[in-house]
Structures are given as structure tokens and as C-alpha cells.
Amino acid sequence: MNLTDNRLQELENSSLTHNERLLLRCRLASEFIHIGQYEIAREALGELWQGVGLRPKVEKLKPQIAAEVLLQCGTLSGWLGGVQHISGAQEKAKDLIFEALRMFKAQNQPAKVSESQYELGMCYFRLGSYDESRIVLEKAFDALKEDRNVSLRAKILIRHSIIEIWTGRYHDALSILEKAREFFESSGDALKGRWHSQRGLVLRRL
């Protein structure tokens, strides 16, 4: 049994309540999305997943859980839509993520609002709306200034640097990555690796 199977097997834990299982589905989906395992992420979401850009059935769920489901379904829709070149997928993904963002705001969950903005930034990027992507990511980062979520702050800066690299603004990308250095020093090996990789790419192009 591989690591993926082990992670998915956690969903079979009979001691989990229904709500706990739904949140676990979302957490696992998020983990798989961020390592590029989109099909496994879809499997992790199970019956929550209705298809790319389709709104999940959240009407009977608690607001916190509904928002999380919308966020992960929107995020996965964006990635799958990009990989599979599905027309209109990014706009639909944005709608799902925006709905999640509004719910997180109503619940006074600033870290989740920032996470939603982080994912929105990628939708704008795929659409070629680079200025909008920058603005959303800057808002996501600024909202976390009083938060200790170092990992999310690091991810936001990495994503911002990707936009600047893509648009040929290498000095701006390097500045963003240097700003991120303090966060990556206290992050896990995977994020440190991404930081070094991005920085190396920028330096080669300067």
C-alpha cells in the first residue's frame, strides 16, 4: 500500500463523524491538489465533487463545512480546467471560490479568506488577468500580517513570483522571493525547495 492509499484509507475510519469526514475529504483534496495529483484529489472529495465548475451540494451542510467544500471544488475546477483546457472553467472556478470567500468572511475566518484569495489569484493568472492576480495575492498576503500561518504566506509569495517570472519582470520576482526568505527559513523542506527553485530560475534569467 502506497502513501496515497494510506491517506485515502483515513476516510474509512469508523470513529469519524459525518462532518469530520467531510472536512477530512477537503483537507486531503487540498493536499493532493497542491502536489499536482488532481485525479486523486477528485477521488478524495468523493460525492462532494460534481464535476469541473459544477456547484457542490452544500445546502444542508454547516456554513464552515460548506465554505470549505466550495473552496476545494473551486480550486480543483481551476486546476483541472487549466490542464484539460476546458472552456469557461476558470470563470466557474472563480464563482465557487468567491462564494467560499464570502462565507469565510461572514464567519470571521481571515486565514481562510486569504487562502481563498490565493486560489483566486491563480484563476486570474490562467485567464491572463495578471494585474488582477497581483492585486488579489497582495490582499491575501496583507490580510495575514497578524497571522502566524507562515506556510500560507510563503505560498502566496511564491505564486506572486510566478506571475512576475511569466511576465518577464525578473527583478520584481527576485524582490518578492527575497521578501519571502524569512518565511521559508521556518517552513518545511518542500516549500524551501520551491523557494530555491524559483530563485534559481530568476537568477538564470537576469
N, C-alpha and C. Protein backbone atom coordinates (compact mmCIF):
# COMPACT_ATOMS: atom_id res chain seq x y z
N MET A 1 0.85 -1.20 0.00
CA MET A 1 0.00 0.00 0.00
C MET A 1 0.88 1.25 0.00
N ASN A 2 0.66 2.17 -0.95
CA ASN A 2 1.48 3.37 -1.02
C ASN A 2 0.93 4.47 -0.13
N LEU A 3 1.66 5.59 -0.12
CA LEU A 3 1.28 6.70 0.76
C LEU A 3 -0.10 7.25 0.41
N THR A 4 -0.39 7.33 -0.89
CA THR A 4 -1.70 7.82 -1.32
C THR A 4 -2.82 6.95 -0.78
N ASP A 5 -2.65 5.63 -0.91
CA ASP A 5 -3.66 4.70 -0.40
C ASP A 5 -3.84 4.86 1.10
N ASN A 6 -2.72 5.04 1.80
CA ASN A 6 -2.78 5.21 3.25
C ASN A 6 -3.57 6.46 3.63
N ARG A 7 -3.34 7.54 2.88
CA ARG A 7 -4.03 8.78 3.18
C ARG A 7 -5.53 8.64 2.91
N LEU A 8 -5.88 8.04 1.78
CA LEU A 8 -7.30 7.88 1.45
C LEU A 8 -7.99 6.92 2.41
N GLN A 9 -7.22 5.96 2.94
CA GLN A 9 -7.81 4.99 3.86
C GLN A 9 -8.27 5.66 5.15
N GLU A 10 -7.72 6.83 5.46
CA GLU A 10 -8.14 7.56 6.65
C GLU A 10 -9.63 7.86 6.60
N LEU A 11 -10.18 7.97 5.40
CA LEU A 11 -11.60 8.28 5.25
C LEU A 11 -12.49 7.14 5.73
N GLU A 12 -11.93 5.95 5.85
CA GLU A 12 -12.70 4.79 6.26
C GLU A 12 -12.75 4.62 7.77
N ASN A 13 -12.12 5.53 8.49
CA ASN A 13 -12.10 5.48 9.95
C ASN A 13 -13.53 5.58 10.49
N SER A 14 -14.00 4.53 11.11
CA SER A 14 -15.39 4.47 11.59
C SER A 14 -15.67 5.41 12.75
N SER A 15 -14.63 5.91 13.39
CA SER A 15 -14.83 6.81 14.53
C SER A 15 -15.11 8.25 14.09
N LEU A 16 -14.94 8.54 12.81
CA LEU A 16 -15.19 9.90 12.32
C LEU A 16 -16.69 10.19 12.26
N THR A 17 -17.05 11.39 12.66
CA THR A 17 -18.43 11.83 12.46
C THR A 17 -18.60 12.21 10.99
N HIS A 18 -19.83 12.41 10.58
CA HIS A 18 -20.09 12.80 9.19
C HIS A 18 -19.37 14.10 8.84
N ASN A 19 -19.46 15.08 9.73
CA ASN A 19 -18.82 16.37 9.48
C ASN A 19 -17.30 16.25 9.47
N GLU A 20 -16.76 15.46 10.37
CA GLU A 20 -15.31 15.25 10.41
C GLU A 20 -14.83 14.60 9.11
N ARG A 21 -15.61 13.67 8.59
CA ARG A 21 -15.22 13.00 7.34
C ARG A 21 -15.26 13.98 6.17
N LEU A 22 -16.24 14.86 6.15
CA LEU A 22 -16.32 15.86 5.08
C LEU A 22 -15.11 16.80 5.12
N LEU A 23 -14.75 17.24 6.32
CA LEU A 23 -13.59 18.12 6.46
C LEU A 23 -12.30 17.40 6.09
N LEU A 24 -12.22 16.11 6.43
CA LEU A 24 -11.05 15.33 6.06
C LEU A 24 -10.96 15.19 4.54
N ARG A 25 -12.09 14.99 3.90
CA ARG A 25 -12.11 14.92 2.43
C ARG A 25 -11.53 16.21 1.83
N CYS A 26 -11.94 17.32 2.39
CA CYS A 26 -11.46 18.61 1.90
C CYS A 26 -9.96 18.78 2.15
N ARG A 27 -9.52 18.40 3.34
CA ARG A 27 -8.10 18.55 3.67
C ARG A 27 -7.23 17.67 2.77
N LEU A 28 -7.66 16.43 2.56
CA LEU A 28 -6.90 15.53 1.69
C LEU A 28 -6.89 16.05 0.25
N ALA A 29 -8.04 16.52 -0.21
CA ALA A 29 -8.12 17.07 -1.57
C ALA A 29 -7.14 18.23 -1.73
N SER A 30 -7.10 19.10 -0.74
CA SER A 30 -6.19 20.24 -0.79
C SER A 30 -4.74 19.79 -0.88
N GLU A 31 -4.39 18.79 -0.09
CA GLU A 31 -3.02 18.27 -0.11
C GLU A 31 -2.67 17.71 -1.48
N PHE A 32 -3.58 16.94 -2.06
CA PHE A 32 -3.31 16.33 -3.36
C PHE A 32 -3.28 17.37 -4.48
N ILE A 33 -4.14 18.37 -4.39
CA ILE A 33 -4.14 19.44 -5.39
C ILE A 33 -2.78 20.12 -5.43
N HIS A 34 -2.23 20.39 -4.27
CA HIS A 34 -1.00 21.18 -4.22
C HIS A 34 0.25 20.37 -4.53
N ILE A 35 0.11 19.08 -4.79
CA ILE A 35 1.24 18.31 -5.32
C ILE A 35 0.91 17.82 -6.73
N GLY A 36 -0.13 18.40 -7.30
CA GLY A 36 -0.46 18.10 -8.69
C GLY A 36 -1.18 16.79 -8.93
N GLN A 37 -1.70 16.16 -7.89
CA GLN A 37 -2.41 14.88 -8.02
C GLN A 37 -3.92 15.16 -8.12
N TYR A 38 -4.34 15.69 -9.25
CA TYR A 38 -5.71 16.18 -9.38
C TYR A 38 -6.75 15.06 -9.40
N GLU A 39 -6.42 13.95 -10.03
CA GLU A 39 -7.37 12.84 -10.07
C GLU A 39 -7.55 12.23 -8.68
N ILE A 40 -6.47 12.16 -7.92
CA ILE A 40 -6.56 11.65 -6.55
C ILE A 40 -7.34 12.63 -5.68
N ALA A 41 -7.16 13.92 -5.93
CA ALA A 41 -7.92 14.93 -5.19
C ALA A 41 -9.41 14.76 -5.46
N ARG A 42 -9.76 14.49 -6.71
CA ARG A 42 -11.16 14.27 -7.05
C ARG A 42 -11.70 13.03 -6.32
N GLU A 43 -10.87 12.00 -6.24
CA GLU A 43 -11.27 10.79 -5.52
C GLU A 43 -11.46 11.08 -4.03
N ALA A 44 -10.58 11.91 -3.48
CA ALA A 44 -10.68 12.26 -2.06
C ALA A 44 -11.98 13.01 -1.76
N LEU A 45 -12.42 13.86 -2.67
CA LEU A 45 -13.66 14.61 -2.46
C LEU A 45 -14.90 13.72 -2.53
N GLY A 46 -14.78 12.59 -3.24
CA GLY A 46 -15.89 11.64 -3.29
C GLY A 46 -17.16 12.26 -3.83
N GLU A 47 -18.26 12.06 -3.09
CA GLU A 47 -19.57 12.52 -3.56
C GLU A 47 -19.71 14.05 -3.53
N LEU A 48 -18.76 14.73 -2.90
CA LEU A 48 -18.79 16.19 -2.88
C LEU A 48 -18.51 16.78 -4.26
N TRP A 49 -17.77 16.04 -5.06
CA TRP A 49 -17.36 16.52 -6.38
C TRP A 49 -18.45 16.23 -7.41
N GLN A 50 -18.93 17.29 -8.06
CA GLN A 50 -19.98 17.15 -9.07
C GLN A 50 -19.45 17.27 -10.49
N GLY A 51 -18.24 17.75 -10.63
CA GLY A 51 -17.64 17.95 -11.95
C GLY A 51 -16.99 19.31 -12.04
N VAL A 52 -16.17 19.51 -13.07
CA VAL A 52 -15.45 20.77 -13.23
C VAL A 52 -16.43 21.94 -13.36
N GLY A 53 -16.30 22.89 -12.44
CA GLY A 53 -17.12 24.09 -12.48
C GLY A 53 -18.53 23.94 -11.94
N LEU A 54 -18.90 22.73 -11.56
CA LEU A 54 -20.26 22.50 -11.07
C LEU A 54 -20.32 22.71 -9.56
N ARG A 55 -21.38 23.36 -9.12
CA ARG A 55 -21.52 23.69 -7.71
C ARG A 55 -21.86 22.44 -6.90
N PRO A 56 -21.08 22.17 -5.84
CA PRO A 56 -21.39 21.02 -4.98
C PRO A 56 -22.67 21.25 -4.19
N LYS A 57 -23.25 20.17 -3.72
CA LYS A 57 -24.50 20.27 -2.96
C LYS A 57 -24.16 20.56 -1.50
N VAL A 58 -24.23 21.82 -1.13
CA VAL A 58 -23.80 22.24 0.21
C VAL A 58 -24.94 22.81 1.06
N GLU A 59 -26.15 22.82 0.52
CA GLU A 59 -27.26 23.49 1.20
C GLU A 59 -27.53 22.94 2.60
N LYS A 60 -27.30 21.66 2.82
CA LYS A 60 -27.60 21.04 4.11
C LYS A 60 -26.38 20.97 5.03
N LEU A 61 -25.27 21.54 4.59
CA LEU A 61 -24.05 21.49 5.38
C LEU A 61 -23.91 22.71 6.29
N LYS A 62 -23.16 22.54 7.38
CA LYS A 62 -22.85 23.68 8.23
C LYS A 62 -22.05 24.70 7.43
N PRO A 63 -22.22 26.00 7.70
CA PRO A 63 -21.54 27.03 6.91
C PRO A 63 -20.04 26.84 6.78
N GLN A 64 -19.37 26.46 7.88
CA GLN A 64 -17.92 26.26 7.84
C GLN A 64 -17.55 25.16 6.86
N ILE A 65 -18.31 24.07 6.90
CA ILE A 65 -18.02 22.94 6.02
C ILE A 65 -18.40 23.27 4.58
N ALA A 66 -19.53 23.94 4.40
CA ALA A 66 -19.97 24.32 3.06
C ALA A 66 -18.92 25.20 2.38
N ALA A 67 -18.37 26.16 3.13
CA ALA A 67 -17.36 27.05 2.57
C ALA A 67 -16.12 26.28 2.16
N GLU A 68 -15.71 25.33 2.99
CA GLU A 68 -14.52 24.53 2.69
C GLU A 68 -14.74 23.68 1.44
N VAL A 69 -15.92 23.09 1.33
CA VAL A 69 -16.24 22.27 0.16
C VAL A 69 -16.23 23.12 -1.11
N LEU A 70 -16.83 24.30 -1.04
CA LEU A 70 -16.85 25.20 -2.20
C LEU A 70 -15.43 25.61 -2.60
N LEU A 71 -14.59 25.88 -1.60
CA LEU A 71 -13.22 26.29 -1.88
C LEU A 71 -12.45 25.19 -2.60
N GLN A 72 -12.54 23.97 -2.08
CA GLN A 72 -11.77 22.89 -2.69
C GLN A 72 -12.31 22.49 -4.06
N CYS A 73 -13.62 22.50 -4.21
CA CYS A 73 -14.20 22.18 -5.52
C CYS A 73 -13.86 23.27 -6.54
N GLY A 74 -13.86 24.52 -6.09
CA GLY A 74 -13.48 25.61 -6.97
C GLY A 74 -12.01 25.54 -7.36
N THR A 75 -11.16 25.25 -6.38
CA THR A 75 -9.73 25.15 -6.63
C THR A 75 -9.43 24.02 -7.61
N LEU A 76 -10.02 22.85 -7.36
CA LEU A 76 -9.79 21.71 -8.24
C LEU A 76 -10.34 21.98 -9.63
N SER A 77 -11.48 22.66 -9.71
CA SER A 77 -12.05 23.01 -11.02
C SER A 77 -11.08 23.88 -11.81
N GLY A 78 -10.44 24.82 -11.12
CA GLY A 78 -9.48 25.69 -11.79
C GLY A 78 -8.29 24.94 -12.34
N TRP A 79 -7.74 24.04 -11.53
CA TRP A 79 -6.58 23.27 -11.98
C TRP A 79 -6.93 22.29 -13.08
N LEU A 80 -8.00 21.53 -12.90
CA LEU A 80 -8.41 20.59 -13.94
C LEU A 80 -8.81 21.32 -15.22
N GLY A 81 -9.50 22.44 -15.06
CA GLY A 81 -9.89 23.22 -16.23
C GLY A 81 -8.70 23.72 -17.01
N GLY A 82 -7.64 24.09 -16.28
CA GLY A 82 -6.42 24.55 -16.94
C GLY A 82 -5.69 23.42 -17.64
N VAL A 83 -5.53 22.31 -16.95
CA VAL A 83 -4.81 21.16 -17.51
C VAL A 83 -5.54 20.58 -18.72
N GLN A 84 -6.86 20.50 -18.62
CA GLN A 84 -7.66 19.89 -19.68
C GLN A 84 -8.20 20.90 -20.69
N HIS A 85 -7.82 22.17 -20.53
CA HIS A 85 -8.23 23.24 -21.46
C HIS A 85 -9.74 23.28 -21.64
N ILE A 86 -10.45 23.29 -20.52
CA ILE A 86 -11.92 23.30 -20.54
C ILE A 86 -12.42 24.74 -20.62
N SER A 87 -13.14 25.05 -21.66
CA SER A 87 -13.65 26.41 -21.87
C SER A 87 -14.58 26.83 -20.73
N GLY A 88 -14.36 28.03 -20.22
CA GLY A 88 -15.21 28.59 -19.18
C GLY A 88 -14.94 28.07 -17.78
N ALA A 89 -13.99 27.15 -17.65
CA ALA A 89 -13.74 26.53 -16.34
C ALA A 89 -13.23 27.54 -15.31
N GLN A 90 -12.39 28.49 -15.75
CA GLN A 90 -11.81 29.43 -14.78
C GLN A 90 -12.86 30.37 -14.21
N GLU A 91 -13.79 30.81 -15.04
CA GLU A 91 -14.85 31.69 -14.55
C GLU A 91 -15.74 30.95 -13.54
N LYS A 92 -16.03 29.69 -13.85
CA LYS A 92 -16.86 28.90 -12.93
C LYS A 92 -16.10 28.60 -11.64
N ALA A 93 -14.81 28.34 -11.77
CA ALA A 93 -13.99 28.11 -10.58
C ALA A 93 -13.97 29.36 -9.71
N LYS A 94 -13.83 30.52 -10.35
CA LYS A 94 -13.85 31.79 -9.61
C LYS A 94 -15.15 31.97 -8.85
N ASP A 95 -16.26 31.63 -9.49
CA ASP A 95 -17.56 31.78 -8.84
C ASP A 95 -17.64 30.94 -7.56
N LEU A 96 -17.16 29.71 -7.64
CA LEU A 96 -17.19 28.82 -6.47
C LEU A 96 -16.29 29.35 -5.36
N ILE A 97 -15.10 29.81 -5.74
CA ILE A 97 -14.15 30.32 -4.75
C ILE A 97 -14.65 31.62 -4.14
N PHE A 98 -15.24 32.48 -4.95
CA PHE A 98 -15.81 33.73 -4.44
C PHE A 98 -16.91 33.44 -3.41
N GLU A 99 -17.73 32.45 -3.71
CA GLU A 99 -18.80 32.09 -2.77
C GLU A 99 -18.20 31.62 -1.45
N ALA A 100 -17.15 30.81 -1.54
CA ALA A 100 -16.47 30.35 -0.33
C ALA A 100 -15.88 31.53 0.43
N LEU A 101 -15.25 32.44 -0.31
CA LEU A 101 -14.62 33.62 0.31
C LEU A 101 -15.65 34.43 1.09
N ARG A 102 -16.80 34.66 0.49
CA ARG A 102 -17.85 35.44 1.18
C ARG A 102 -18.31 34.74 2.45
N MET A 103 -18.40 33.43 2.40
CA MET A 103 -18.82 32.68 3.58
C MET A 103 -17.76 32.74 4.67
N PHE A 104 -16.50 32.63 4.29
CA PHE A 104 -15.42 32.72 5.28
C PHE A 104 -15.38 34.11 5.92
N LYS A 105 -15.64 35.14 5.11
CA LYS A 105 -15.70 36.50 5.67
C LYS A 105 -16.81 36.61 6.71
N ALA A 106 -17.96 36.05 6.38
CA ALA A 106 -19.11 36.10 7.29
C ALA A 106 -18.82 35.35 8.58
N GLN A 107 -17.95 34.34 8.50
CA GLN A 107 -17.59 33.54 9.67
C GLN A 107 -16.39 34.12 10.41
N ASN A 108 -15.86 35.25 9.91
CA ASN A 108 -14.70 35.89 10.52
C ASN A 108 -13.50 34.94 10.58
N GLN A 109 -13.17 34.38 9.43
CA GLN A 109 -12.02 33.48 9.31
C GLN A 109 -11.01 34.10 8.33
N PRO A 110 -10.21 35.06 8.79
CA PRO A 110 -9.30 35.77 7.89
C PRO A 110 -8.30 34.88 7.17
N ALA A 111 -7.80 33.85 7.84
CA ALA A 111 -6.83 32.96 7.18
C ALA A 111 -7.47 32.23 6.01
N LYS A 112 -8.72 31.81 6.17
CA LYS A 112 -9.41 31.12 5.09
C LYS A 112 -9.78 32.09 3.97
N VAL A 113 -10.05 33.34 4.32
CA VAL A 113 -10.29 34.36 3.30
C VAL A 113 -9.02 34.52 2.45
N SER A 114 -7.86 34.59 3.12
CA SER A 114 -6.60 34.72 2.39
C SER A 114 -6.33 33.51 1.52
N GLU A 115 -6.63 32.33 2.04
CA GLU A 115 -6.44 31.12 1.25
C GLU A 115 -7.33 31.15 0.00
N SER A 116 -8.55 31.63 0.15
CA SER A 116 -9.46 31.74 -0.99
C SER A 116 -8.92 32.74 -2.01
N GLN A 117 -8.40 33.86 -1.53
CA GLN A 117 -7.82 34.85 -2.43
C GLN A 117 -6.59 34.29 -3.14
N TYR A 118 -5.82 33.50 -2.43
CA TYR A 118 -4.64 32.84 -3.00
C TYR A 118 -5.04 31.97 -4.19
N GLU A 119 -6.14 31.23 -4.04
CA GLU A 119 -6.61 30.38 -5.14
C GLU A 119 -7.23 31.21 -6.26
N LEU A 120 -7.92 32.29 -5.90
CA LEU A 120 -8.48 33.19 -6.92
C LEU A 120 -7.37 33.77 -7.79
N GLY A 121 -6.26 34.10 -7.16
CA GLY A 121 -5.13 34.66 -7.90
C GLY A 121 -4.68 33.76 -9.03
N MET A 122 -4.74 32.45 -8.80
CA MET A 122 -4.33 31.51 -9.83
C MET A 122 -5.34 31.46 -10.96
N CYS A 123 -6.62 31.58 -10.64
CA CYS A 123 -7.65 31.62 -11.69
C CYS A 123 -7.43 32.83 -12.60
N TYR A 124 -7.18 33.99 -11.99
CA TYR A 124 -6.91 35.19 -12.79
C TYR A 124 -5.66 35.00 -13.65
N PHE A 125 -4.65 34.36 -13.08
CA PHE A 125 -3.41 34.11 -13.81
C PHE A 125 -3.68 33.26 -15.05
N ARG A 126 -4.45 32.20 -14.89
CA ARG A 126 -4.75 31.33 -16.03
C ARG A 126 -5.54 32.06 -17.10
N LEU A 127 -6.33 33.04 -16.70
CA LEU A 127 -7.11 33.83 -17.64
C LEU A 127 -6.29 34.93 -18.31
N GLY A 128 -5.04 35.09 -17.86
CA GLY A 128 -4.20 36.15 -18.40
C GLY A 128 -4.45 37.51 -17.78
N SER A 129 -5.21 37.54 -16.70
CA SER A 129 -5.52 38.80 -16.00
C SER A 129 -4.47 39.01 -14.90
N TYR A 130 -3.26 39.38 -15.33
CA TYR A 130 -2.13 39.41 -14.41
C TYR A 130 -2.24 40.50 -13.35
N ASP A 131 -2.74 41.68 -13.72
CA ASP A 131 -2.88 42.75 -12.73
C ASP A 131 -3.88 42.35 -11.65
N GLU A 132 -5.00 41.76 -12.06
CA GLU A 132 -5.99 41.30 -11.08
C GLU A 132 -5.40 40.24 -10.16
N SER A 133 -4.59 39.37 -10.74
CA SER A 133 -3.96 38.32 -9.95
C SER A 133 -3.03 38.92 -8.91
N ARG A 134 -2.23 39.90 -9.32
CA ARG A 134 -1.32 40.57 -8.38
C ARG A 134 -2.09 41.21 -7.23
N ILE A 135 -3.15 41.92 -7.58
CA ILE A 135 -3.94 42.64 -6.57
C ILE A 135 -4.52 41.67 -5.54
N VAL A 136 -5.10 40.57 -6.04
CA VAL A 136 -5.72 39.59 -5.14
C VAL A 136 -4.67 38.95 -4.23
N LEU A 137 -3.50 38.62 -4.79
CA LEU A 137 -2.46 37.99 -3.99
C LEU A 137 -1.89 38.96 -2.96
N GLU A 138 -1.77 40.23 -3.32
CA GLU A 138 -1.29 41.23 -2.36
C GLU A 138 -2.28 41.37 -1.20
N LYS A 139 -3.57 41.36 -1.52
CA LYS A 139 -4.59 41.42 -0.48
C LYS A 139 -4.51 40.19 0.43
N ALA A 140 -4.31 39.03 -0.19
CA ALA A 140 -4.22 37.79 0.58
C ALA A 140 -3.05 37.84 1.55
N PHE A 141 -1.91 38.36 1.08
CA PHE A 141 -0.72 38.43 1.93
C PHE A 141 -0.90 39.45 3.04
N ASP A 142 -1.39 40.64 2.68
CA ASP A 142 -1.55 41.71 3.68
C ASP A 142 -2.51 41.31 4.79
N ALA A 143 -3.51 40.53 4.45
CA ALA A 143 -4.51 40.12 5.45
C ALA A 143 -3.92 39.17 6.49
N LEU A 144 -2.74 38.61 6.19
CA LEU A 144 -2.13 37.64 7.10
C LEU A 144 -1.03 38.24 7.97
N LYS A 145 -0.90 39.55 7.96
CA LYS A 145 0.20 40.17 8.69
C LYS A 145 0.17 39.87 10.19
N GLU A 146 -1.02 39.69 10.74
CA GLU A 146 -1.14 39.39 12.16
C GLU A 146 -1.33 37.89 12.41
N ASP A 147 -1.22 37.11 11.35
CA ASP A 147 -1.45 35.67 11.45
C ASP A 147 -0.11 34.93 11.45
N ARG A 148 -0.06 33.80 12.11
CA ARG A 148 1.19 33.03 12.18
C ARG A 148 1.26 31.92 11.13
N ASN A 149 0.39 31.98 10.15
CA ASN A 149 0.37 30.96 9.11
C ASN A 149 1.52 31.21 8.13
N VAL A 150 2.71 30.81 8.54
CA VAL A 150 3.91 31.05 7.75
C VAL A 150 3.84 30.33 6.41
N SER A 151 3.32 29.12 6.42
CA SER A 151 3.25 28.32 5.20
C SER A 151 2.41 29.01 4.12
N LEU A 152 1.24 29.51 4.49
CA LEU A 152 0.37 30.17 3.51
C LEU A 152 1.00 31.46 3.01
N ARG A 153 1.64 32.21 3.89
CA ARG A 153 2.29 33.45 3.46
C ARG A 153 3.39 33.14 2.45
N ALA A 154 4.13 32.07 2.71
CA ALA A 154 5.20 31.67 1.79
C ALA A 154 4.62 31.26 0.44
N LYS A 155 3.53 30.50 0.46
CA LYS A 155 2.90 30.05 -0.78
C LYS A 155 2.39 31.23 -1.61
N ILE A 156 1.82 32.22 -0.93
CA ILE A 156 1.31 33.40 -1.63
C ILE A 156 2.44 34.12 -2.36
N LEU A 157 3.57 34.29 -1.68
CA LEU A 157 4.70 34.98 -2.29
C LEU A 157 5.28 34.18 -3.46
N ILE A 158 5.34 32.87 -3.31
CA ILE A 158 5.81 32.02 -4.41
C ILE A 158 4.91 32.22 -5.63
N ARG A 159 3.62 32.19 -5.41
CA ARG A 159 2.68 32.34 -6.52
C ARG A 159 2.80 33.73 -7.16
N HIS A 160 3.00 34.73 -6.33
CA HIS A 160 3.19 36.09 -6.86
C HIS A 160 4.44 36.14 -7.72
N SER A 161 5.49 35.47 -7.28
CA SER A 161 6.74 35.47 -8.06
C SER A 161 6.55 34.78 -9.41
N ILE A 162 5.69 33.77 -9.46
CA ILE A 162 5.42 33.06 -10.72
C ILE A 162 4.84 34.03 -11.75
N ILE A 163 3.95 34.90 -11.31
CA ILE A 163 3.35 35.88 -12.22
C ILE A 163 4.42 36.80 -12.80
N GLU A 164 5.32 37.27 -11.93
CA GLU A 164 6.35 38.19 -12.39
C GLU A 164 7.34 37.50 -13.32
N ILE A 165 7.65 36.25 -13.06
CA ILE A 165 8.52 35.49 -13.96
C ILE A 165 7.85 35.31 -15.31
N TRP A 166 6.59 34.94 -15.29
CA TRP A 166 5.83 34.69 -16.52
C TRP A 166 5.75 35.95 -17.39
N THR A 167 5.65 37.11 -16.74
CA THR A 167 5.51 38.37 -17.48
C THR A 167 6.86 39.05 -17.71
N GLY A 168 7.95 38.36 -17.38
CA GLY A 168 9.28 38.87 -17.66
C GLY A 168 9.78 39.93 -16.71
N ARG A 169 9.14 40.08 -15.58
CA ARG A 169 9.55 41.08 -14.58
C ARG A 169 10.42 40.40 -13.54
N TYR A 170 11.64 40.06 -13.96
CA TYR A 170 12.51 39.22 -13.13
C TYR A 170 13.02 39.92 -11.88
N HIS A 171 13.29 41.21 -11.98
CA HIS A 171 13.75 41.94 -10.79
C HIS A 171 12.64 42.01 -9.74
N ASP A 172 11.41 42.19 -10.19
CA ASP A 172 10.28 42.18 -9.26
C ASP A 172 10.12 40.80 -8.62
N ALA A 173 10.31 39.77 -9.43
CA ALA A 173 10.20 38.40 -8.92
C ALA A 173 11.26 38.13 -7.86
N LEU A 174 12.48 38.59 -8.13
CA LEU A 174 13.56 38.39 -7.16
C LEU A 174 13.28 39.14 -5.87
N SER A 175 12.76 40.35 -5.99
CA SER A 175 12.42 41.14 -4.80
C SER A 175 11.37 40.43 -3.95
N ILE A 176 10.37 39.85 -4.60
CA ILE A 176 9.32 39.12 -3.89
C ILE A 176 9.91 37.90 -3.19
N LEU A 177 10.80 37.19 -3.88
CA LEU A 177 11.40 35.99 -3.29
C LEU A 177 12.30 36.34 -2.12
N GLU A 178 13.00 37.47 -2.20
CA GLU A 178 13.83 37.89 -1.07
C GLU A 178 12.95 38.26 0.12
N LYS A 179 11.81 38.86 -0.17
CA LYS A 179 10.83 39.18 0.87
C LYS A 179 10.34 37.90 1.54
N ALA A 180 10.30 36.83 0.76
CA ALA A 180 9.79 35.56 1.27
C ALA A 180 10.82 34.76 2.06
N ARG A 181 12.08 35.16 1.98
CA ARG A 181 13.15 34.36 2.58
C ARG A 181 12.88 34.03 4.05
N GLU A 182 12.46 35.01 4.83
CA GLU A 182 12.25 34.79 6.27
C GLU A 182 11.18 33.75 6.54
N PHE A 183 10.17 33.66 5.65
CA PHE A 183 9.11 32.68 5.84
C PHE A 183 9.58 31.28 5.47
N PHE A 184 10.41 31.19 4.45
CA PHE A 184 10.86 29.88 4.00
C PHE A 184 11.88 29.27 4.95
N GLU A 185 12.59 30.11 5.69
CA GLU A 185 13.56 29.59 6.64
C GLU A 185 12.90 28.79 7.75
N SER A 186 11.62 29.07 8.03
CA SER A 186 10.90 28.34 9.07
C SER A 186 9.84 27.41 8.49
N SER A 187 9.90 27.18 7.17
CA SER A 187 8.94 26.29 6.51
C SER A 187 9.53 24.90 6.32
N GLY A 188 8.70 23.99 5.84
CA GLY A 188 9.14 22.62 5.60
C GLY A 188 10.04 22.53 4.38
N ASP A 189 10.63 21.35 4.19
CA ASP A 189 11.58 21.15 3.10
C ASP A 189 10.96 21.36 1.73
N ALA A 190 9.70 20.98 1.56
CA ALA A 190 9.05 21.11 0.26
C ALA A 190 8.96 22.58 -0.16
N LEU A 191 8.54 23.44 0.78
CA LEU A 191 8.44 24.87 0.46
C LEU A 191 9.81 25.49 0.27
N LYS A 192 10.78 25.07 1.07
CA LYS A 192 12.14 25.57 0.90
C LYS A 192 12.65 25.22 -0.49
N GLY A 193 12.35 24.00 -0.93
CA GLY A 193 12.77 23.57 -2.25
C GLY A 193 12.16 24.42 -3.34
N ARG A 194 10.88 24.76 -3.19
CA ARG A 194 10.20 25.61 -4.18
C ARG A 194 10.83 27.00 -4.22
N TRP A 195 11.17 27.52 -3.05
CA TRP A 195 11.78 28.85 -2.98
C TRP A 195 13.12 28.86 -3.71
N HIS A 196 13.96 27.87 -3.42
CA HIS A 196 15.27 27.80 -4.06
C HIS A 196 15.14 27.60 -5.57
N SER A 197 14.17 26.79 -5.97
CA SER A 197 13.94 26.54 -7.39
C SER A 197 13.53 27.82 -8.11
N GLN A 198 12.57 28.55 -7.52
CA GLN A 198 12.11 29.80 -8.12
C GLN A 198 13.23 30.83 -8.18
N ARG A 199 13.99 30.94 -7.11
CA ARG A 199 15.08 31.92 -7.06
C ARG A 199 16.14 31.59 -8.09
N GLY A 200 16.47 30.29 -8.22
CA GLY A 200 17.44 29.87 -9.22
C GLY A 200 16.98 30.21 -10.63
N LEU A 201 15.70 30.00 -10.90
CA LEU A 201 15.14 30.31 -12.21
C LEU A 201 15.25 31.80 -12.52
N VAL A 202 14.95 32.63 -11.53
CA VAL A 202 15.03 34.08 -11.73
C VAL A 202 16.46 34.51 -12.00
N LEU A 203 17.39 34.01 -11.20
CA LEU A 203 18.79 34.41 -11.35
C LEU A 203 19.35 34.01 -12.71
N ARG A 204 18.90 32.89 -13.24
CA ARG A 204 19.37 32.46 -14.56
C ARG A 204 18.86 33.37 -15.67
N ARG A 205 17.75 34.05 -15.42
CA ARG A 205 17.14 34.88 -16.46
C ARG A 205 17.49 36.36 -16.34
N LEU A 206 18.12 36.73 -15.25
CA LEU A 206 18.51 38.13 -15.08
C LEU A 206 19.73 38.46 -15.96
